[in-house]
Amino acid sequence: MKVRLTSMAAAFALAAGSAQALDDVTLQLKWVTQAQFAGYYVALENGYFEEEGLNVTIRPGGPDIAPPQVIAGGGADVIVEWMPAALAAREQGLPLVNIAQPFVRSGMMLTCLADTGITGPEDFRGRTLGVWFFGNEYPFLSWMSTLGIPTDGGEDGVEVLRQGFNVDPLLQRQADCISTMTYNEYWQVIDAGISEDELVTFKYEDQGVATLEDGLYVLEDRLEDSEFVDKMARFVRASMRGWRWAEENPEEAADIVLDYDETGAQTEAHQVRMMGEIALLTEGSSGVLDVEAYQRTVETLLGGGSDPVITREPEGAWTHAVTDAAFD
């Protein structure tokens, strides 16, 4: 499919005499090629970016790739990042700005083995919990601070296991609970042979500590350039068109993602299921950041007791300039 459409696009460009050069945009993803980013791959595959005059390069992420570091080093124009990590980076001196928010709900949760006896957050004390780092730890640390549970071990605290991006600690009983996403690792546990009634899950949304996840971020000084703002407006408009198509055509969207997965590590069944779960997180999103959801995220991060994720109210951490230009 990719080859056919790319060839058609090339033929069209030749027929048009390449009258207008496309503007280059590099997008750095937060993780590897998967349905979590289907909207961008759909926009690329279906020609939505090209229709907006853009030549978009999508760079997959991975366990050793931190999107804020990539954009700081000039390796991307725009990144996909979770808001806690973006705000923490901003407070530490990297001026990231949210320009759009395709994901309006959180997919993050803790998944525990039921036979541990854990039935509620009050049972976390004295337990070992698997936590992702590289910026993914911030929502967890904020939640524990809100509960008043130390994260340095002991009977009254929790022992934090630095979890790799897999579910091995739960399967091997190295941890009582692990970090999972509703659209990915949870189903890896199920596929490993553990039934849903053998698990207890705690969605961050249900615990009142959900923070905004996959948003689009750029460096603040670039927004001073009206041409860059226009380019990002076209990028966001095409991306949201891709997300709508992916929601309406989940199986086809999963196939497109698989076409771009150069590792060959993904399976069709997993990607189709993931796309269905992702659609629940993007459903109803216009791409425009909800200021109330932003403020809830900030309050959650600030309310982290003696060790908050951020220590002061951010200033200039978001803008509607791009989405206003994209959709007005």
C-alpha atoms as a PDB file:
ATOM      1  CA  MET A   1       0.000   0.000   0.000  1.00  0.00           C
ATOM      2  CA  LYS A   2       2.769   2.418   0.950  1.00  0.00           C
ATOM      3  CA  VAL A   3       4.662   1.909  -2.284  1.00  0.00           C
ATOM      4  CA  ARG A   4       1.572   2.358  -4.425  1.00  0.00           C
ATOM      5  CA  LEU A   5       0.491   5.608  -2.776  1.00  0.00           C
ATOM      6  CA  THR A   6       4.002   7.000  -2.648  1.00  0.00           C
ATOM      7  CA  SER A   7       4.407   6.307  -6.358  1.00  0.00           C
ATOM      8  CA  MET A   8       1.126   8.031  -7.077  1.00  0.00           C
ATOM      9  CA  ALA A   9       2.222  11.036  -5.043  1.00  0.00           C
ATOM     10  CA  ALA A  10       5.515  11.176  -6.932  1.00  0.00           C
ATOM     11  CA  ALA A  11       3.705  11.001 -10.274  1.00  0.00           C
ATOM     12  CA  PHE A  12       1.400  13.799  -9.215  1.00  0.00           C
ATOM     13  CA  ALA A  13       4.336  15.950  -8.196  1.00  0.00           C
ATOM     14  CA  LEU A  14       6.005  15.406 -11.575  1.00  0.00           C
ATOM     15  CA  ALA A  15       2.797  16.187 -13.416  1.00  0.00           C
ATOM     16  CA  ALA A  16       2.488  19.421 -11.474  1.00  0.00           C
ATOM     17  CA  GLY A  17       6.010  20.295 -12.484  1.00  0.00           C
ATOM     18  CA  SER A  18       7.050  20.529  -8.831  1.00  0.00           C
ATOM     19  CA  ALA A  19       5.721  24.084  -8.994  1.00  0.00           C
ATOM     20  CA  GLN A  20       5.923  24.515  -5.235  1.00  0.00           C
ATOM     21  CA  ALA A  21       8.439  22.891  -2.947  1.00  0.00           C
ATOM     22  CA  LEU A  22       7.081  21.172   0.121  1.00  0.00           C
ATOM     23  CA  ASP A  23       7.999  22.468   3.587  1.00  0.00           C
ATOM     24  CA  ASP A  24      10.006  19.963   5.620  1.00  0.00           C
ATOM     25  CA  VAL A  25       8.762  18.918   9.070  1.00  0.00           C
ATOM     26  CA  THR A  26      10.388  16.337  11.337  1.00  0.00           C
ATOM     27  CA  LEU A  27       8.211  14.728  14.012  1.00  0.00           C
ATOM     28  CA  GLN A  28       9.825  12.811  16.881  1.00  0.00           C
ATOM     29  CA  LEU A  29       7.547  10.186  18.434  1.00  0.00           C
ATOM     30  CA  LYS A  30       7.580   9.278  22.096  1.00  0.00           C
ATOM     31  CA  TRP A  31       7.830   5.549  21.419  1.00  0.00           C
ATOM     32  CA  VAL A  32       8.233   2.984  18.669  1.00  0.00           C
ATOM     33  CA  THR A  33       6.031   2.776  15.585  1.00  0.00           C
ATOM     34  CA  GLN A  34       2.634   1.558  16.792  1.00  0.00           C
ATOM     35  CA  ALA A  35      -1.047   2.519  16.734  1.00  0.00           C
ATOM     36  CA  GLN A  36      -0.439   5.029  19.523  1.00  0.00           C
ATOM     37  CA  PHE A  37       0.728   7.293  16.684  1.00  0.00           C
ATOM     38  CA  ALA A  38      -1.649   6.095  13.977  1.00  0.00           C
ATOM     39  CA  GLY A  39      -3.001   9.548  13.154  1.00  0.00           C
ATOM     40  CA  TYR A  40       0.397  10.762  11.980  1.00  0.00           C
ATOM     41  CA  TYR A  41       1.103   7.678   9.890  1.00  0.00           C
ATOM     42  CA  VAL A  42      -2.359   7.857   8.336  1.00  0.00           C
ATOM     43  CA  ALA A  43      -1.812  11.527   7.478  1.00  0.00           C
ATOM     44  CA  LEU A  44       1.489  10.578   5.860  1.00  0.00           C
ATOM     45  CA  GLU A  45       0.160   7.544   3.991  1.00  0.00           C
ATOM     46  CA  ASN A  46      -3.082   9.116   2.805  1.00  0.00           C
ATOM     47  CA  GLY A  47      -1.345  12.240   1.525  1.00  0.00           C
ATOM     48  CA  TYR A  48      -2.894  14.668   4.024  1.00  0.00           C
ATOM     49  CA  PHE A  49       0.488  16.195   4.874  1.00  0.00           C
ATOM     50  CA  GLU A  50       1.350  16.604   1.203  1.00  0.00           C
ATOM     51  CA  GLU A  51      -2.000  18.264   0.529  1.00  0.00           C
ATOM     52  CA  GLU A  52      -0.983  20.826   3.173  1.00  0.00           C
ATOM     53  CA  GLY A  53       2.317  21.429   1.382  1.00  0.00           C
ATOM     54  CA  LEU A  54       4.394  19.440   3.859  1.00  0.00           C
ATOM     55  CA  ASN A  55       7.122  16.855   3.534  1.00  0.00           C
ATOM     56  CA  VAL A  56       6.918  15.111   6.915  1.00  0.00           C
ATOM     57  CA  THR A  57       9.526  12.763   8.340  1.00  0.00           C
ATOM     58  CA  ILE A  58       8.344  10.658  11.279  1.00  0.00           C
ATOM     59  CA  ARG A  59      11.079   9.440  13.590  1.00  0.00           C
ATOM     60  CA  PRO A  60      10.163   6.534  15.884  1.00  0.00           C
ATOM     61  CA  GLY A  61      11.166   6.675  19.520  1.00  0.00           C
ATOM     62  CA  GLY A  62      12.535   3.947  21.739  1.00  0.00           C
ATOM     63  CA  PRO A  63      13.820   3.169  25.234  1.00  0.00           C
ATOM     64  CA  ASP A  64      16.939   5.299  24.731  1.00  0.00           C
ATOM     65  CA  ILE A  65      15.263   8.214  22.964  1.00  0.00           C
ATOM     66  CA  ALA A  66      13.947  11.180  24.966  1.00  0.00           C
ATOM     67  CA  PRO A  67      11.942  13.518  22.700  1.00  0.00           C
ATOM     68  CA  PRO A  68      12.853  16.669  24.718  1.00  0.00           C
ATOM     69  CA  GLN A  69      16.537  15.908  24.223  1.00  0.00           C
ATOM     70  CA  VAL A  70      15.985  15.335  20.505  1.00  0.00           C
ATOM     71  CA  ILE A  71      14.248  18.672  19.962  1.00  0.00           C
ATOM     72  CA  ALA A  72      16.761  20.476  22.167  1.00  0.00           C
ATOM     73  CA  GLY A  73      19.509  19.146  19.935  1.00  0.00           C
ATOM     74  CA  GLY A  74      17.760  20.286  16.758  1.00  0.00           C
ATOM     75  CA  GLY A  75      16.750  16.788  15.680  1.00  0.00           C
ATOM     76  CA  ALA A  76      13.028  17.545  15.368  1.00  0.00           C
ATOM     77  CA  ASP A  77      10.659  20.439  14.725  1.00  0.00           C
ATOM     78  CA  VAL A  78       7.865  18.996  16.845  1.00  0.00           C
ATOM     79  CA  ILE A  79       7.647  16.134  19.342  1.00  0.00           C
ATOM     80  CA  VAL A  80       5.015  13.903  20.894  1.00  0.00           C
ATOM     81  CA  GLU A  81       5.389  14.031  24.672  1.00  0.00           C
ATOM     82  CA  TRP A  82       3.400  13.624  27.883  1.00  0.00           C
ATOM     83  CA  MET A  83       2.614  16.903  29.608  1.00  0.00           C
ATOM     84  CA  PRO A  84       4.257  16.020  32.971  1.00  0.00           C
ATOM     85  CA  ALA A  85       7.572  15.397  31.238  1.00  0.00           C
ATOM     86  CA  ALA A  86       7.176  18.517  29.088  1.00  0.00           C
ATOM     87  CA  LEU A  87       6.392  20.754  32.077  1.00  0.00           C
ATOM     88  CA  ALA A  88       9.232  19.266  34.110  1.00  0.00           C
ATOM     89  CA  ALA A  89      11.604  19.902  31.196  1.00  0.00           C
ATOM     90  CA  ARG A  90      10.330  23.467  30.893  1.00  0.00           C
ATOM     91  CA  GLU A  91      10.963  24.148  34.583  1.00  0.00           C
ATOM     92  CA  GLN A  92      14.461  22.742  34.134  1.00  0.00           C
ATOM     93  CA  GLY A  93      15.198  25.213  31.338  1.00  0.00           C
ATOM     94  CA  LEU A  94      13.966  23.641  28.079  1.00  0.00           C
ATOM     95  CA  PRO A  95      11.167  25.952  26.851  1.00  0.00           C
ATOM     96  CA  LEU A  96       8.697  23.430  25.442  1.00  0.00           C
ATOM     97  CA  VAL A  97       5.263  24.730  24.451  1.00  0.00           C
ATOM     98  CA  ASN A  98       2.146  22.648  23.853  1.00  0.00           C
ATOM     99  CA  ILE A  99       0.662  23.585  20.459  1.00  0.00           C
ATOM    100  CA  ALA A 100      -2.024  20.869  20.210  1.00  0.00           C
ATOM    101  CA  GLN A 101      -3.494  18.025  22.265  1.00  0.00           C
ATOM    102  CA  PRO A 102      -4.835  15.064  20.237  1.00  0.00           C
ATOM    103  CA  PHE A 103      -5.187  12.830  23.332  1.00  0.00           C
ATOM    104  CA  VAL A 104      -7.916  14.025  25.705  1.00  0.00           C
ATOM    105  CA  ARG A 105      -7.917  11.059  28.109  1.00  0.00           C
ATOM    106  CA  SER A 106      -5.196   9.119  29.908  1.00  0.00           C
ATOM    107  CA  GLY A 107      -4.434   5.461  29.218  1.00  0.00           C
ATOM    108  CA  MET A 108      -2.034   5.009  32.115  1.00  0.00           C
ATOM    109  CA  MET A 109      -2.681   2.586  34.969  1.00  0.00           C
ATOM    110  CA  LEU A 110      -1.124   0.245  37.501  1.00  0.00           C
ATOM    111  CA  THR A 111      -1.873  -3.420  36.963  1.00  0.00           C
ATOM    112  CA  CYS A 112      -1.561  -5.741  39.961  1.00  0.00           C
ATOM    113  CA  LEU A 113      -1.893  -9.467  40.544  1.00  0.00           C
ATOM    114  CA  ALA A 114      -5.107 -10.101  42.452  1.00  0.00           C
ATOM    115  CA  ASP A 115      -3.527 -12.813  44.602  1.00  0.00           C
ATOM    116  CA  THR A 116      -1.290 -10.191  46.221  1.00  0.00           C
ATOM    117  CA  GLY A 117      -4.342  -9.032  48.161  1.00  0.00           C
ATOM    118  CA  ILE A 118      -4.154  -5.500  46.791  1.00  0.00           C
ATOM    119  CA  THR A 119      -7.656  -4.125  46.444  1.00  0.00           C
ATOM    120  CA  GLY A 120      -7.088  -0.385  46.781  1.00  0.00           C
ATOM    121  CA  PRO A 121      -4.344   2.248  46.901  1.00  0.00           C
ATOM    122  CA  GLU A 122      -4.218   1.875  50.667  1.00  0.00           C
ATOM    123  CA  ASP A 123      -2.700  -1.562  50.104  1.00  0.00           C
ATOM    124  CA  PHE A 124       0.328  -0.203  48.212  1.00  0.00           C
ATOM    125  CA  ARG A 125       2.381   0.377  51.375  1.00  0.00           C
ATOM    126  CA  GLY A 126       5.134  -2.169  51.766  1.00  0.00           C
ATOM    127  CA  ARG A 127       4.757  -3.334  48.171  1.00  0.00           C
ATOM    128  CA  THR A 128       7.036  -3.303  45.147  1.00  0.00           C
ATOM    129  CA  LEU A 129       5.660  -1.314  42.222  1.00  0.00           C
ATOM    130  CA  GLY A 130       7.095  -1.256  38.713  1.00  0.00           C
ATOM    131  CA  VAL A 131       7.529   2.270  37.353  1.00  0.00           C
ATOM    132  CA  TRP A 132       8.701   3.538  33.977  1.00  0.00           C
ATOM    133  CA  PHE A 133      11.276   6.307  34.067  1.00  0.00           C
ATOM    134  CA  PHE A 134      12.669   8.617  31.341  1.00  0.00           C
ATOM    135  CA  GLY A 135       9.921  11.147  32.152  1.00  0.00           C
ATOM    136  CA  ASN A 136       7.118   8.587  32.510  1.00  0.00           C
ATOM    137  CA  GLU A 137       7.590   8.421  36.284  1.00  0.00           C
ATOM    138  CA  TYR A 138       6.160  11.875  36.983  1.00  0.00           C
ATOM    139  CA  PRO A 139       2.441  10.954  37.118  1.00  0.00           C
ATOM    140  CA  PHE A 140       3.258   8.015  39.434  1.00  0.00           C
ATOM    141  CA  LEU A 141       5.408  10.086  41.776  1.00  0.00           C
ATOM    142  CA  SER A 142       2.737  12.766  41.934  1.00  0.00           C
ATOM    143  CA  TRP A 143       0.085  10.145  42.750  1.00  0.00           C
ATOM    144  CA  MET A 144       2.153   8.640  45.557  1.00  0.00           C
ATOM    145  CA  SER A 145       2.812  12.091  47.001  1.00  0.00           C
ATOM    146  CA  THR A 146      -0.915  12.811  46.895  1.00  0.00           C
ATOM    147  CA  LEU A 147      -1.517   9.577  48.826  1.00  0.00           C
ATOM    148  CA  GLY A 148       1.246  10.443  51.280  1.00  0.00           C
ATOM    149  CA  ILE A 149       3.148   7.248  50.431  1.00  0.00           C
ATOM    150  CA  PRO A 150       6.977   7.519  50.373  1.00  0.00           C
ATOM    151  CA  THR A 151       8.717   6.011  47.367  1.00  0.00           C
ATOM    152  CA  ASP A 152      11.946   5.031  49.111  1.00  0.00           C
ATOM    153  CA  GLY A 153      10.775   1.684  50.490  1.00  0.00           C
ATOM    154  CA  GLY A 154       9.971   0.588  54.038  1.00  0.00           C
ATOM    155  CA  GLU A 155       6.790  -0.694  55.614  1.00  0.00           C
ATOM    156  CA  ASP A 156       4.992   2.612  55.146  1.00  0.00           C
ATOM    157  CA  GLY A 157       6.303   3.273  51.652  1.00  0.00           C
ATOM    158  CA  VAL A 158       6.633   1.536  48.335  1.00  0.00           C
ATOM    159  CA  GLU A 159       9.695   0.000  46.767  1.00  0.00           C
ATOM    160  CA  VAL A 160      10.040   1.412  43.260  1.00  0.00           C
ATOM    161  CA  LEU A 161      11.326  -1.042  40.674  1.00  0.00           C
ATOM    162  CA  ARG A 162      12.691   0.727  37.603  1.00  0.00           C
ATOM    163  CA  GLN A 163      10.576  -1.118  35.090  1.00  0.00           C
ATOM    164  CA  GLY A 164      11.764  -1.740  31.563  1.00  0.00           C
ATOM    165  CA  PHE A 165       9.280  -1.214  28.779  1.00  0.00           C
ATOM    166  CA  ASN A 166       7.848  -4.697  29.169  1.00  0.00           C
ATOM    167  CA  VAL A 167       5.682  -6.660  31.610  1.00  0.00           C
ATOM    168  CA  ASP A 168       8.333  -9.103  32.838  1.00  0.00           C
ATOM    169  CA  PRO A 169       8.380  -7.876  36.459  1.00  0.00           C
ATOM    170  CA  LEU A 170       4.742  -8.914  36.894  1.00  0.00           C
ATOM    171  CA  LEU A 171       5.058 -12.197  35.033  1.00  0.00           C
ATOM    172  CA  GLN A 172       8.168 -13.091  37.024  1.00  0.00           C
ATOM    173  CA  ARG A 173       6.633 -11.797  40.274  1.00  0.00           C
ATOM    174  CA  GLN A 174       9.394  -9.285  40.826  1.00  0.00           C
ATOM    175  CA  ALA A 175       6.720  -6.657  41.464  1.00  0.00           C
ATOM    176  CA  ASP A 176       3.218  -6.690  42.924  1.00  0.00           C
ATOM    177  CA  CYS A 177       2.046  -4.123  40.380  1.00  0.00           C
ATOM    178  CA  ILE A 178       3.498  -2.681  37.190  1.00  0.00           C
ATOM    179  CA  SER A 179       2.908   0.314  34.981  1.00  0.00           C
ATOM    180  CA  THR A 180       0.738  -0.454  31.951  1.00  0.00           C
ATOM    181  CA  MET A 181      -1.189   1.409  29.303  1.00  0.00           C
ATOM    182  CA  THR A 182      -4.785   0.514  28.512  1.00  0.00           C
ATOM    183  CA  TYR A 183      -3.812   0.093  24.875  1.00  0.00           C
ATOM    184  CA  ASN A 184      -0.566  -1.856  25.162  1.00  0.00           C
ATOM    185  CA  GLU A 185       1.106  -3.504  28.161  1.00  0.00           C
ATOM    186  CA  TYR A 186      -2.134  -4.539  29.845  1.00  0.00           C
ATOM    187  CA  TRP A 187      -2.901  -6.714  26.836  1.00  0.00           C
ATOM    188  CA  GLN A 188       0.614  -8.094  26.856  1.00  0.00           C
ATOM    189  CA  VAL A 189      -0.153  -9.443  30.338  1.00  0.00           C
ATOM    190  CA  ILE A 190      -3.386 -10.979  29.058  1.00  0.00           C
ATOM    191  CA  ASP A 191      -1.603 -12.480  26.067  1.00  0.00           C
ATOM    192  CA  ALA A 192       0.931 -14.020  28.437  1.00  0.00           C
ATOM    193  CA  GLY A 193      -1.837 -16.213  29.862  1.00  0.00           C
ATOM    194  CA  ILE A 194      -3.059 -14.238  32.876  1.00  0.00           C
ATOM    195  CA  SER A 195      -6.829 -13.761  32.788  1.00  0.00           C
ATOM    196  CA  GLU A 196      -8.520 -10.443  33.508  1.00  0.00           C
ATOM    197  CA  ASP A 197     -10.095 -11.780  36.711  1.00  0.00           C
ATOM    198  CA  GLU A 198      -6.601 -12.496  38.017  1.00  0.00           C
ATOM    199  CA  LEU A 199      -5.736  -8.819  37.781  1.00  0.00           C
ATOM    200  CA  VAL A 200      -6.616  -5.637  39.647  1.00  0.00           C
ATOM    201  CA  THR A 201      -6.158  -2.372  37.779  1.00  0.00           C
ATOM    202  CA  PHE A 202      -5.987   1.242  38.905  1.00  0.00           C
ATOM    203  CA  LYS A 203      -6.553   3.717  36.101  1.00  0.00           C
ATOM    204  CA  TYR A 204      -5.067   7.122  36.797  1.00  0.00           C
ATOM    205  CA  GLU A 205      -8.273   8.647  35.398  1.00  0.00           C
ATOM    206  CA  ASP A 206     -10.320   6.864  38.076  1.00  0.00           C
ATOM    207  CA  GLN A 207      -7.917   7.920  40.842  1.00  0.00           C
ATOM    208  CA  GLY A 208      -8.284  11.611  40.011  1.00  0.00           C
ATOM    209  CA  VAL A 209      -4.600  11.989  39.167  1.00  0.00           C
ATOM    210  CA  ALA A 210      -4.690  11.606  35.393  1.00  0.00           C
ATOM    211  CA  THR A 211      -2.436  13.994  33.507  1.00  0.00           C
ATOM    212  CA  LEU A 212      -2.483  14.846  29.819  1.00  0.00           C
ATOM    213  CA  GLU A 213      -0.502  12.436  27.681  1.00  0.00           C
ATOM    214  CA  ASP A 214       0.398  12.536  23.971  1.00  0.00           C
ATOM    215  CA  GLY A 215       0.491  16.213  23.030  1.00  0.00           C
ATOM    216  CA  LEU A 216       2.475  18.089  20.386  1.00  0.00           C
ATOM    217  CA  TYR A 217       5.299  20.353  21.587  1.00  0.00           C
ATOM    218  CA  VAL A 218       7.717  22.789  19.970  1.00  0.00           C
ATOM    219  CA  LEU A 219      10.410  25.123  21.248  1.00  0.00           C
ATOM    220  CA  GLU A 220       9.057  28.483  22.347  1.00  0.00           C
ATOM    221  CA  ASP A 221      11.358  30.730  20.308  1.00  0.00           C
ATOM    222  CA  ARG A 222      10.253  29.106  17.053  1.00  0.00           C
ATOM    223  CA  LEU A 223       6.726  30.390  17.605  1.00  0.00           C
ATOM    224  CA  GLU A 224       8.037  33.915  17.052  1.00  0.00           C
ATOM    225  CA  ASP A 225       8.333  32.991  13.361  1.00  0.00           C
ATOM    226  CA  SER A 226       4.964  33.412  11.631  1.00  0.00           C
ATOM    227  CA  GLU A 227       6.024  31.036   8.850  1.00  0.00           C
ATOM    228  CA  PHE A 228       6.771  28.319  11.404  1.00  0.00           C
ATOM    229  CA  VAL A 229       3.388  28.879  13.087  1.00  0.00           C
ATOM    230  CA  ASP A 230       1.714  28.509   9.676  1.00  0.00           C
ATOM    231  CA  LYS A 231       3.677  25.319   8.986  1.00  0.00           C
ATOM    232  CA  MET A 232       2.678  23.859  12.356  1.00  0.00           C
ATOM    233  CA  ALA A 233      -0.961  24.838  11.754  1.00  0.00           C
ATOM    234  CA  ARG A 234      -0.924  22.858   8.524  1.00  0.00           C
ATOM    235  CA  PHE A 235       0.797  19.969  10.292  1.00  0.00           C
ATOM    236  CA  VAL A 236      -1.792  19.886  13.090  1.00  0.00           C
ATOM    237  CA  ARG A 237      -4.707  20.168  10.653  1.00  0.00           C
ATOM    238  CA  ALA A 238      -3.452  17.222   8.606  1.00  0.00           C
ATOM    239  CA  SER A 239      -2.648  15.214  11.754  1.00  0.00           C
ATOM    240  CA  MET A 240      -6.130  15.633  13.204  1.00  0.00           C
ATOM    241  CA  ARG A 241      -7.594  14.629   9.851  1.00  0.00           C
ATOM    242  CA  GLY A 242      -5.447  11.503  10.150  1.00  0.00           C
ATOM    243  CA  TRP A 243      -6.723  10.833  13.646  1.00  0.00           C
ATOM    244  CA  ARG A 244     -10.368  11.104  12.572  1.00  0.00           C
ATOM    245  CA  TRP A 245      -9.749   8.656   9.725  1.00  0.00           C
ATOM    246  CA  ALA A 246      -7.934   6.246  12.051  1.00  0.00           C
ATOM    247  CA  GLU A 247     -10.823   6.290  14.527  1.00  0.00           C
ATOM    248  CA  GLU A 248     -13.296   5.520  11.752  1.00  0.00           C
ATOM    249  CA  ASN A 249     -11.113   2.874  10.079  1.00  0.00           C
ATOM    250  CA  PRO A 250      -9.224   1.128  12.906  1.00  0.00           C
ATOM    251  CA  GLU A 251      -8.235  -2.011  11.002  1.00  0.00           C
ATOM    252  CA  GLU A 252      -6.988  -0.089   7.988  1.00  0.00           C
ATOM    253  CA  ALA A 253      -5.140   2.339  10.276  1.00  0.00           C
ATOM    254  CA  ALA A 254      -3.439  -0.576  12.021  1.00  0.00           C
ATOM    255  CA  ASP A 255      -2.357  -1.931   8.632  1.00  0.00           C
ATOM    256  CA  ILE A 256      -0.823   1.437   7.747  1.00  0.00           C
ATOM    257  CA  VAL A 257       1.112   1.468  11.023  1.00  0.00           C
ATOM    258  CA  LEU A 258       2.408  -2.019  10.270  1.00  0.00           C
ATOM    259  CA  ASP A 259       3.553  -0.851   6.830  1.00  0.00           C
ATOM    260  CA  TYR A 260       5.819   1.692   8.516  1.00  0.00           C
ATOM    261  CA  ASP A 261       7.123  -0.607  11.257  1.00  0.00           C
ATOM    262  CA  GLU A 262      10.585  -1.408   9.958  1.00  0.00           C
ATOM    263  CA  THR A 263      11.340  -3.686  12.921  1.00  0.00           C
ATOM    264  CA  GLY A 264       8.607  -6.179  12.038  1.00  0.00           C
ATOM    265  CA  ALA A 265       8.055  -6.650  15.767  1.00  0.00           C
ATOM    266  CA  GLN A 266       4.354  -5.724  15.797  1.00  0.00           C
ATOM    267  CA  THR A 267       1.476  -8.081  15.052  1.00  0.00           C
ATOM    268  CA  GLU A 268      -1.719  -7.205  13.233  1.00  0.00           C
ATOM    269  CA  ALA A 269      -3.977  -8.469  16.025  1.00  0.00           C
ATOM    270  CA  HIS A 270      -2.169  -6.391  18.651  1.00  0.00           C
ATOM    271  CA  GLN A 271      -2.173  -3.233  16.529  1.00  0.00           C
ATOM    272  CA  VAL A 272      -5.863  -3.525  15.651  1.00  0.00           C
ATOM    273  CA  ARG A 273      -6.708  -3.956  19.335  1.00  0.00           C
ATOM    274  CA  MET A 274      -4.419  -1.081  20.252  1.00  0.00           C
ATOM    275  CA  MET A 275      -6.059   1.183  17.697  1.00  0.00           C
ATOM    276  CA  GLY A 276      -9.460   0.443  19.205  1.00  0.00           C
ATOM    277  CA  GLU A 277      -8.202   1.440  22.654  1.00  0.00           C
ATOM    278  CA  ILE A 278      -6.376   4.518  21.350  1.00  0.00           C
ATOM    279  CA  ALA A 279      -9.581   5.709  19.686  1.00  0.00           C
ATOM    280  CA  LEU A 280     -11.149   5.913  23.157  1.00  0.00           C
ATOM    281  CA  LEU A 281      -8.419   8.363  24.187  1.00  0.00           C
ATOM    282  CA  THR A 282      -8.636  10.616  21.121  1.00  0.00           C
ATOM    283  CA  GLU A 283     -12.401  10.441  20.602  1.00  0.00           C
ATOM    284  CA  GLY A 284     -13.969  13.889  20.529  1.00  0.00           C
ATOM    285  CA  SER A 285     -10.639  15.698  20.374  1.00  0.00           C
ATOM    286  CA  SER A 286     -10.396  18.674  18.054  1.00  0.00           C
ATOM    287  CA  GLY A 287      -6.694  18.954  18.718  1.00  0.00           C
ATOM    288  CA  VAL A 288      -7.235  22.160  20.690  1.00  0.00           C
ATOM    289  CA  LEU A 289      -5.800  22.035  24.199  1.00  0.00           C
ATOM    290  CA  ASP A 290      -8.522  22.146  26.866  1.00  0.00           C
ATOM    291  CA  VAL A 291      -7.278  24.775  29.317  1.00  0.00           C
ATOM    292  CA  GLU A 292      -9.192  23.201  32.215  1.00  0.00           C
ATOM    293  CA  ALA A 293      -7.534  19.825  31.543  1.00  0.00           C
ATOM    294  CA  TYR A 294      -4.173  21.604  31.376  1.00  0.00           C
ATOM    295  CA  GLN A 295      -4.837  23.277  34.721  1.00  0.00           C
ATOM    296  CA  ARG A 296      -5.855  19.964  36.324  1.00  0.00           C
ATOM    297  CA  THR A 297      -2.580  18.474  35.126  1.00  0.00           C
ATOM    298  CA  VAL A 298      -0.627  21.391  36.601  1.00  0.00           C
ATOM    299  CA  GLU A 299      -2.460  21.151  39.928  1.00  0.00           C
ATOM    300  CA  THR A 300      -1.794  17.410  40.099  1.00  0.00           C
ATOM    301  CA  LEU A 301       1.903  17.937  39.458  1.00  0.00           C
ATOM    302  CA  LEU A 302       2.145  20.825  41.920  1.00  0.00           C
ATOM    303  CA  GLY A 303       0.244  18.890  44.586  1.00  0.00           C
ATOM    304  CA  GLY A 304       2.993  16.366  45.080  1.00  0.00           C
ATOM    305  CA  GLY A 305       3.619  17.020  48.769  1.00  0.00           C
ATOM    306  CA  SER A 306       7.235  17.617  49.766  1.00  0.00           C
ATOM    307  CA  ASP A 307       8.588  16.483  46.391  1.00  0.00           C
ATOM    308  CA  PRO A 308       6.327  17.844  43.616  1.00  0.00           C
ATOM    309  CA  VAL A 309       7.062  17.208  39.964  1.00  0.00           C
ATOM    310  CA  ILE A 310       7.045  20.966  39.316  1.00  0.00           C
ATOM    311  CA  THR A 311       7.493  23.611  41.982  1.00  0.00           C
ATOM    312  CA  ARG A 312       5.778  26.620  40.441  1.00  0.00           C
ATOM    313  CA  GLU A 313       2.937  27.496  38.104  1.00  0.00           C
ATOM    314  CA  PRO A 314       4.274  27.344  34.532  1.00  0.00           C
ATOM    315  CA  GLU A 315       4.107  30.433  32.355  1.00  0.00           C
ATOM    316  CA  GLY A 316       3.859  30.278  28.579  1.00  0.00           C
ATOM    317  CA  ALA A 317       3.701  26.469  28.516  1.00  0.00           C
ATOM    318  CA  TRP A 318       0.881  26.318  25.965  1.00  0.00           C
ATOM    319  CA  THR A 319      -0.572  28.319  23.111  1.00  0.00           C
ATOM    320  CA  HIS A 320      -3.692  28.245  20.982  1.00  0.00           C
ATOM    321  CA  ALA A 321      -1.977  30.228  18.228  1.00  0.00           C
ATOM    322  CA  VAL A 322      -1.337  27.136  16.120  1.00  0.00           C
ATOM    323  CA  THR A 323      -4.766  25.517  16.473  1.00  0.00           C
ATOM    324  CA  ASP A 324      -6.448  28.897  15.973  1.00  0.00           C
ATOM    325  CA  ALA A 325      -4.598  29.207  12.688  1.00  0.00           C
ATOM    326  CA  ALA A 326      -5.371  25.587  11.803  1.00  0.00           C
ATOM    327  CA  PHE A 327      -9.097  25.588  12.416  1.00  0.00           C
ATOM    328  CA  ASP A 328     -10.428  29.148  12.357  1.00  0.00           C
END
